Amino acid sequence: MTQRERQILNLIEANPMISQQELADQLGITRSSVAVHISNLQKKGYIAGKGYVLRSGSYAVIVGGINIDIGGSSFDNLVAEDSNPGKVQTSLGGVGRNIAHNLALMGGDVRMLSAYGDDVYGQRVASSCAELGIDAGNVLKVSGATTSTYLYIADPSGEMALAISDMSVCDYITPAYLSSNIAMLQNAQIVMVDTNIPAESIVWLCENVNVPIFCDPVSTKKAVKLLPVLDKIHTLKPNKLEAELLSGVKIEKKEDAETAAKALIEKGVHRLFLSMGGDGIYAAMEKGGRIEGIWMDNIPGNMVNTTGCGDSAMAAIMWAYLEGMNLSETARASVAAGSITMESNETINPAMSASALKSRMSIR
């Protein structure tokens, strides 16, 4: 779906009786252009025939990992092969789940496809999704499996000394499982996938789902799963290292980031938001046979903890798409989300909301 088509669909959802001329007047385009866009929306299945019968609500499906994070921090210097007094905390995590949580706080209609074990942590995941309004009714509960768990031990300064990640339950997110949920996927406005799921499942999604696919590469090790399907990806949100791997371009300065973005778009990615840390975000997309690109500076905030900024940024990119925002507005929403997230000790700032995003976006 193009940006203009998204804007038209939003207006029709708000007022199903709106005329083509009214659409044209509100968007500042001709009535004939509106007719062409509506015809395209009908061909793509977003509008079922005449009368503006919409295919679905504006919901997003997130396909990805759900984690339980268990962290132990020692009070004193760690002693090997001994019991170290300290503090142990557990929290919900996982890239897909974190993005879903943020998008739900932004007011999004969110549905998840994932897998967890039939253990106490799986019960906690289900309860949390219900409280947040995330539809997890189709998440796979795997008998005898352990919910994906990340266990780490840190020294008194907070530096990680050792970690073990058990994400084997994600192997159950198979093409067959996804195929059994094809109606949900095809009726979504966005499908977001993280690379914690098997490579063959990512390929299946990209080849069988006819709605915009958004991707979070997660890490350089897992980002390689996206190489065969770059031409099927609508929106990609890599960091510097992930962009280097996927584009083949070494990024040492801003100009290199622009070159990497161009290379990825030439490989078929429609749109990307390249996170450059302190340099902000470089957003680029293919438009009319050329590449449109902009830099967006980070928005200042009271930095407490930057963990989780990437997940909230992706959620904001999805939120902005559902709101019909353009490239610049979407990039602004992305850095605004990061600015809000870093002001909390928690990975997900409970103060996140659509109104908070809009307010932070207005800061110059």
Protein backbone atom coordinates (compact mmCIF):
# COMPACT_ATOMS: atom_id res chain seq x y z
CA MET A 1 0.00 0.00 0.00
CA THR A 2 1.35 3.42 -0.94
CA GLN A 3 1.35 6.38 1.44
CA ARG A 4 -1.44 8.07 -0.54
CA GLU A 5 -3.52 4.89 -0.51
CA ARG A 6 -3.05 4.67 3.25
CA GLN A 7 -4.27 8.29 3.63
CA ILE A 8 -7.35 7.57 1.51
CA LEU A 9 -8.10 4.37 3.45
CA ASN A 10 -7.86 6.25 6.75
CA LEU A 11 -10.36 8.87 5.52
CA ILE A 12 -12.75 6.17 4.30
CA GLU A 13 -12.50 4.32 7.62
CA ALA A 14 -13.39 7.56 9.42
CA ASN A 15 -16.30 8.31 7.06
CA PRO A 16 -17.46 5.39 4.86
CA MET A 17 -19.96 7.73 3.12
CA ILE A 18 -17.29 10.19 1.95
CA SER A 19 -17.37 11.01 -1.77
CA GLN A 20 -14.43 10.89 -4.14
CA GLN A 21 -14.63 14.67 -4.55
CA GLU A 22 -14.50 15.16 -0.78
CA LEU A 23 -11.47 12.88 -0.64
CA ALA A 24 -9.84 14.89 -3.40
CA ASP A 25 -10.54 18.19 -1.64
CA GLN A 26 -9.12 16.98 1.68
CA LEU A 27 -5.97 15.58 0.09
CA GLY A 28 -5.43 18.37 -2.42
CA ILE A 29 -5.46 16.08 -5.46
CA THR A 30 -7.81 15.59 -8.41
CA ARG A 31 -10.93 13.43 -8.29
CA SER A 32 -9.54 11.28 -11.11
CA SER A 33 -6.43 10.58 -9.03
CA VAL A 34 -8.64 9.51 -6.12
CA ALA A 35 -10.50 7.14 -8.45
CA VAL A 36 -7.23 5.53 -9.52
CA HIS A 37 -6.10 5.07 -5.92
CA ILE A 38 -9.45 3.55 -4.91
CA SER A 39 -9.26 1.19 -7.88
CA ASN A 40 -5.80 0.10 -6.71
CA LEU A 41 -7.11 -0.42 -3.17
CA GLN A 42 -9.87 -2.63 -4.57
CA LYS A 43 -7.38 -4.65 -6.62
CA LYS A 44 -5.20 -5.14 -3.54
CA GLY A 45 -8.21 -6.26 -1.51
CA TYR A 46 -8.36 -3.40 1.00
CA ILE A 47 -11.78 -2.33 -0.32
CA ALA A 48 -14.25 -5.05 -1.27
CA GLY A 49 -15.98 -3.76 -4.40
CA LYS A 50 -18.15 -0.67 -4.54
CA GLY A 51 -19.58 1.16 -1.55
CA TYR A 52 -16.29 1.34 0.34
CA VAL A 53 -16.75 -1.99 2.11
CA LEU A 54 -13.44 -2.23 3.94
CA ARG A 55 -11.59 -5.50 4.18
CA SER A 56 -10.61 -5.14 7.80
CA GLY A 57 -9.82 -2.85 10.66
CA SER A 58 -6.43 -1.22 10.92
CA TYR A 59 -4.77 -3.93 12.95
CA ALA A 60 -1.17 -5.07 12.89
CA VAL A 61 0.12 -8.62 13.26
CA ILE A 62 3.48 -9.08 14.94
CA VAL A 63 5.32 -12.33 14.32
CA GLY A 64 8.29 -12.79 16.60
CA GLY A 65 9.84 -13.74 19.87
CA ILE A 66 8.45 -13.63 23.40
CA ASN A 67 11.06 -13.83 26.14
CA ILE A 68 11.33 -14.01 29.88
CA ASP A 69 14.45 -12.13 30.96
CA ILE A 70 16.06 -13.30 34.21
CA GLY A 71 18.87 -11.11 35.46
CA GLY A 72 21.13 -11.56 38.43
CA SER A 73 23.32 -8.71 39.74
CA SER A 74 26.01 -9.51 42.29
CA PHE A 75 26.47 -7.19 45.27
CA ASP A 76 30.25 -7.79 45.27
CA ASN A 77 32.84 -8.89 42.74
CA LEU A 78 31.79 -12.16 41.14
CA VAL A 79 33.48 -15.30 42.44
CA ALA A 80 33.62 -18.22 40.01
CA GLU A 81 32.31 -21.62 41.09
CA ASP A 82 30.57 -20.13 44.12
CA SER A 83 27.19 -18.72 45.18
CA ASN A 84 27.24 -14.93 44.87
CA PRO A 85 24.82 -12.85 46.98
CA GLY A 86 22.90 -10.39 44.84
CA LYS A 87 19.54 -9.45 43.39
CA VAL A 88 17.55 -11.44 40.81
CA GLN A 89 14.79 -9.89 38.71
CA THR A 90 12.49 -11.25 36.02
CA SER A 91 10.73 -9.30 33.29
CA LEU A 92 8.91 -9.89 30.03
CA GLY A 93 10.92 -9.30 26.88
CA GLY A 94 11.50 -10.40 23.32
CA VAL A 95 11.72 -8.07 20.33
CA GLY A 96 8.31 -8.97 18.92
CA ARG A 97 6.59 -8.78 22.31
CA ASN A 98 8.26 -5.47 23.17
CA ILE A 99 7.16 -3.94 19.88
CA ALA A 100 3.62 -5.25 20.44
CA HIS A 101 3.60 -3.77 23.97
CA ASN A 102 4.71 -0.35 22.72
CA LEU A 103 2.24 -0.33 19.83
CA ALA A 104 -0.59 -1.27 22.21
CA LEU A 105 0.35 1.67 24.47
CA MET A 106 0.18 3.87 21.37
CA GLY A 107 -3.41 2.76 20.89
CA GLY A 108 -2.78 0.22 18.15
CA ASP A 109 -4.89 -2.87 17.52
CA VAL A 110 -2.23 -5.55 17.91
CA ARG A 111 -2.32 -9.29 17.30
CA MET A 112 0.59 -11.65 17.92
CA LEU A 113 1.76 -14.87 16.36
CA SER A 114 4.45 -16.53 18.44
CA ALA A 115 5.08 -19.51 20.70
CA TYR A 116 5.65 -20.11 24.38
CA GLY A 117 5.87 -23.11 26.71
CA ASP A 118 3.23 -24.59 28.99
CA ASP A 119 5.08 -23.31 32.04
CA VAL A 120 4.58 -20.55 34.61
CA TYR A 121 6.33 -18.05 32.35
CA GLY A 122 3.96 -18.84 29.50
CA GLN A 123 1.04 -18.14 31.84
CA ARG A 124 2.63 -14.80 32.72
CA VAL A 125 2.97 -13.91 29.03
CA ALA A 126 -0.69 -14.73 28.37
CA SER A 127 -1.86 -12.67 31.35
CA SER A 128 0.28 -9.69 30.34
CA CYS A 129 -1.03 -9.71 26.77
CA ALA A 130 -4.61 -9.80 28.06
CA GLU A 131 -3.96 -6.84 30.37
CA LEU A 132 -2.43 -4.81 27.53
CA GLY A 133 -5.19 -5.63 25.06
CA ILE A 134 -2.83 -7.57 22.78
CA ASP A 135 -4.69 -10.38 21.00
CA ALA A 136 -2.58 -13.46 21.74
CA GLY A 137 -5.37 -15.95 21.11
CA ASN A 138 -3.49 -17.57 18.24
CA VAL A 139 -0.10 -17.72 19.96
CA LEU A 140 1.08 -21.33 20.08
CA LYS A 141 1.28 -22.94 23.52
CA VAL A 142 3.76 -25.80 23.14
CA SER A 143 3.28 -28.74 25.49
CA GLY A 144 6.50 -29.75 27.23
CA ALA A 145 8.44 -26.75 25.93
CA THR A 146 10.12 -23.98 27.89
CA THR A 147 9.12 -20.37 27.27
CA SER A 148 11.98 -18.53 25.58
CA THR A 149 14.33 -17.44 28.36
CA TYR A 150 17.31 -15.10 28.53
CA LEU A 151 19.42 -15.56 31.66
CA TYR A 152 22.29 -13.21 32.48
CA ILE A 153 24.64 -12.50 35.37
CA ALA A 154 26.09 -9.04 35.92
CA ASP A 155 28.81 -7.66 38.17
CA PRO A 156 28.15 -4.81 40.66
CA SER A 157 28.73 -2.18 37.96
CA GLY A 158 26.02 -3.71 35.79
CA GLU A 159 28.41 -5.19 33.22
CA MET A 160 27.24 -8.57 31.95
CA ALA A 161 29.64 -11.36 32.85
CA LEU A 162 27.77 -14.31 31.39
CA ALA A 163 24.49 -15.05 29.65
CA ILE A 164 22.55 -18.01 28.27
CA SER A 165 19.72 -17.68 25.78
CA ASP A 166 17.21 -20.50 25.26
CA MET A 167 14.95 -19.57 22.35
CA SER A 168 14.34 -23.08 21.02
CA VAL A 169 10.55 -22.67 21.35
CA CYS A 170 10.71 -20.18 18.46
CA ASP A 171 11.42 -23.14 16.17
CA TYR A 172 7.71 -23.97 16.49
CA ILE A 173 6.84 -20.77 14.59
CA THR A 174 6.86 -22.77 11.36
CA PRO A 175 5.43 -22.09 7.90
CA ALA A 176 2.67 -24.60 8.72
CA TYR A 177 1.73 -22.67 11.87
CA LEU A 178 1.75 -19.38 9.97
CA SER A 179 -0.29 -20.91 7.16
CA SER A 180 -2.96 -21.91 9.68
CA ASN A 181 -3.28 -18.20 10.49
CA ILE A 182 -3.28 -16.93 6.91
CA ALA A 183 -6.65 -15.17 7.21
CA MET A 184 -5.41 -13.05 10.11
CA LEU A 185 -2.23 -12.23 8.20
CA GLN A 186 -3.94 -11.36 4.91
CA ASN A 187 -6.50 -9.11 6.59
CA ALA A 188 -3.90 -7.08 8.52
CA GLN A 189 -2.72 -3.64 7.51
CA ILE A 190 0.85 -4.47 8.53
CA VAL A 191 2.73 -7.67 9.32
CA MET A 192 5.89 -7.09 11.36
CA VAL A 193 8.40 -9.91 11.69
CA ASP A 194 11.54 -10.15 13.79
CA THR A 195 14.36 -12.53 12.90
CA ASN A 196 14.03 -14.69 16.01
CA ILE A 197 11.78 -16.99 13.99
CA PRO A 198 13.17 -19.63 11.58
CA ALA A 199 14.53 -18.43 8.24
CA GLU A 200 12.09 -20.60 6.28
CA SER A 201 9.19 -18.98 8.13
CA ILE A 202 10.41 -15.51 7.17
CA VAL A 203 10.63 -16.62 3.53
CA TRP A 204 7.12 -18.11 3.72
CA LEU A 205 5.68 -14.87 5.10
CA CYS A 206 7.34 -12.75 2.44
CA GLU A 207 6.19 -15.03 -0.37
CA ASN A 208 2.62 -15.68 0.78
CA VAL A 209 1.36 -12.59 2.60
CA ASN A 210 0.15 -9.75 0.40
CA VAL A 211 0.30 -6.91 2.90
CA PRO A 212 3.25 -4.66 3.78
CA ILE A 213 5.98 -6.60 5.59
CA PHE A 214 7.95 -4.65 8.20
CA CYS A 215 11.18 -6.22 9.50
CA ASP A 216 13.41 -5.77 12.52
CA PRO A 217 16.77 -7.52 11.89
CA VAL A 218 17.36 -7.97 15.68
CA SER A 219 21.12 -8.66 15.35
CA THR A 220 23.82 -9.13 12.73
CA LYS A 221 23.82 -12.89 13.34
CA LYS A 222 20.09 -13.16 12.72
CA ALA A 223 19.84 -10.45 10.05
CA VAL A 224 21.30 -12.84 7.45
CA LYS A 225 17.87 -14.50 7.32
CA LEU A 226 16.61 -11.41 5.47
CA LEU A 227 19.12 -11.56 2.60
CA PRO A 228 16.96 -13.80 0.34
CA VAL A 229 13.83 -11.66 0.81
CA LEU A 230 15.03 -8.04 0.77
CA ASP A 231 12.97 -7.41 -2.37
CA LYS A 232 9.82 -8.45 -0.49
CA ILE A 233 10.30 -6.08 2.47
CA HIS A 234 8.25 -2.89 2.68
CA THR A 235 9.94 -1.32 5.72
CA LEU A 236 13.27 -2.26 7.29
CA LYS A 237 14.71 -0.82 10.53
CA PRO A 238 18.37 -1.81 10.82
CA ASN A 239 21.08 -0.35 12.99
CA LYS A 240 24.50 0.52 11.58
CA LEU A 241 25.99 -2.98 11.86
CA GLU A 242 22.89 -4.70 10.48
CA ALA A 243 22.76 -2.26 7.56
CA GLU A 244 26.42 -2.97 6.79
CA LEU A 245 25.76 -6.70 6.66
CA LEU A 246 22.63 -6.45 4.53
CA SER A 247 23.94 -3.81 2.12
CA GLY A 248 27.59 -4.82 1.87
CA VAL A 249 28.60 -1.20 2.53
CA LYS A 250 30.98 -0.25 5.36
CA ILE A 251 29.47 2.65 7.30
CA GLU A 252 31.95 5.06 8.87
CA LYS A 253 30.26 8.41 8.20
CA LYS A 254 26.87 9.83 7.26
CA GLU A 255 27.57 9.61 3.54
CA ASP A 256 28.22 5.88 3.92
CA ALA A 257 24.82 5.47 5.59
CA GLU A 258 23.20 7.11 2.58
CA THR A 259 25.13 4.79 0.25
CA ALA A 260 24.06 1.74 2.27
CA ALA A 261 20.43 2.88 2.18
CA LYS A 262 20.63 3.33 -1.59
CA ALA A 263 22.10 -0.17 -1.95
CA LEU A 264 19.30 -1.70 0.13
CA ILE A 265 16.61 0.10 -1.86
CA GLU A 266 18.26 -1.09 -5.07
CA LYS A 267 18.04 -4.62 -3.64
CA GLY A 268 14.26 -4.14 -3.39
CA VAL A 269 13.57 -2.73 0.08
CA HIS A 270 10.83 -0.12 -0.35
CA ARG A 271 11.59 1.96 2.74
CA LEU A 272 14.09 1.93 5.58
CA PHE A 273 14.94 3.73 8.78
CA LEU A 274 18.63 3.33 9.55
CA SER A 275 19.48 4.00 13.19
CA MET A 276 22.83 5.77 13.51
CA GLY A 277 22.97 6.14 17.28
CA GLY A 278 23.95 9.66 18.26
CA ASP A 279 23.62 10.82 14.65
CA GLY A 280 19.89 10.09 14.64
CA ILE A 281 18.06 8.23 11.89
CA TYR A 282 18.50 8.22 8.14
CA ALA A 283 15.14 7.51 6.47
CA ALA A 284 14.91 6.67 2.79
CA MET A 285 12.41 5.25 0.33
CA GLU A 286 11.88 4.65 -3.35
CA LYS A 287 9.51 7.20 -4.83
CA GLY A 288 8.71 7.58 -8.51
CA GLY A 289 11.87 5.87 -9.67
CA ARG A 290 14.17 7.90 -7.42
CA ILE A 291 15.33 7.67 -3.82
CA GLU A 292 14.05 10.19 -1.29
CA GLY A 293 16.16 10.43 1.85
CA ILE A 294 16.24 12.59 4.99
CA TRP A 295 18.21 12.80 8.22
CA MET A 296 16.30 13.14 11.46
CA ASP A 297 18.16 14.21 14.60
CA ASN A 298 17.47 12.58 17.94
CA ILE A 299 15.09 14.42 20.26
CA PRO A 300 16.66 15.35 23.62
CA GLY A 301 15.31 13.72 26.75
CA ASN A 302 16.22 12.88 30.33
CA MET A 303 18.30 9.77 29.63
CA VAL A 304 17.96 7.02 32.22
CA ASN A 305 18.17 3.80 30.19
CA THR A 306 18.48 3.34 26.42
CA THR A 307 17.52 -0.35 26.45
CA GLY A 308 14.32 -0.76 24.47
CA CYS A 309 14.67 2.36 22.31
CA GLY A 310 14.96 0.29 19.14
CA ASP A 311 11.78 -1.65 19.88
CA SER A 312 9.75 1.49 20.59
CA ALA A 313 11.16 3.10 17.44
CA MET A 314 9.83 0.23 15.31
CA ALA A 315 6.46 0.44 17.05
CA ALA A 316 6.33 4.16 16.28
CA ILE A 317 7.16 3.51 12.63
CA MET A 318 4.21 1.11 12.48
CA TRP A 319 1.95 3.55 14.33
CA ALA A 320 2.89 6.34 11.92
CA TYR A 321 2.11 4.12 8.93
CA LEU A 322 -1.32 3.32 10.33
CA GLU A 323 -1.83 7.06 10.86
CA GLY A 324 -0.97 7.78 7.21
CA MET A 325 2.16 9.81 7.98
CA ASN A 326 4.82 10.61 5.38
CA LEU A 327 8.51 9.67 5.50
CA SER A 328 9.61 12.72 7.48
CA GLU A 329 6.76 12.45 9.99
CA THR A 330 7.46 8.75 10.45
CA ALA A 331 11.15 9.36 11.11
CA ARG A 332 10.16 12.05 13.61
CA ALA A 333 7.81 9.62 15.37
CA SER A 334 10.61 7.08 15.55
CA VAL A 335 13.08 9.37 17.33
CA ALA A 336 10.29 10.71 19.54
CA ALA A 337 9.56 7.17 20.72
CA GLY A 338 13.23 6.64 21.56
CA SER A 339 13.28 9.92 23.48
CA ILE A 340 10.30 8.83 25.60
CA THR A 341 11.60 5.30 26.16
CA MET A 342 15.01 6.36 27.47
CA GLU A 343 13.39 8.36 30.28
CA SER A 344 12.33 5.19 32.14
CA ASN A 345 14.25 2.54 34.07
CA GLU A 346 12.04 -0.02 32.36
CA THR A 347 12.59 -1.37 28.85
CA ILE A 348 9.11 -0.12 27.97
CA ASN A 349 8.12 3.26 29.36
CA PRO A 350 4.58 2.95 30.78
CA ALA A 351 4.10 6.64 29.91
CA MET A 352 4.22 5.82 26.19
CA SER A 353 1.05 6.83 24.34
CA ALA A 354 -0.09 8.37 21.06
CA SER A 355 -0.56 11.75 22.73
CA ALA A 356 2.91 11.56 24.31
CA LEU A 357 4.38 10.73 20.91
CA LYS A 358 2.64 13.63 19.20
CA SER A 359 3.72 16.00 21.94
CA ARG A 360 7.36 14.86 21.75
CA MET A 361 7.31 15.07 17.94
CA SER A 362 6.47 18.78 18.20
CA ILE A 363 9.69 19.56 20.12
CA ARG A 364 12.26 21.32 17.96
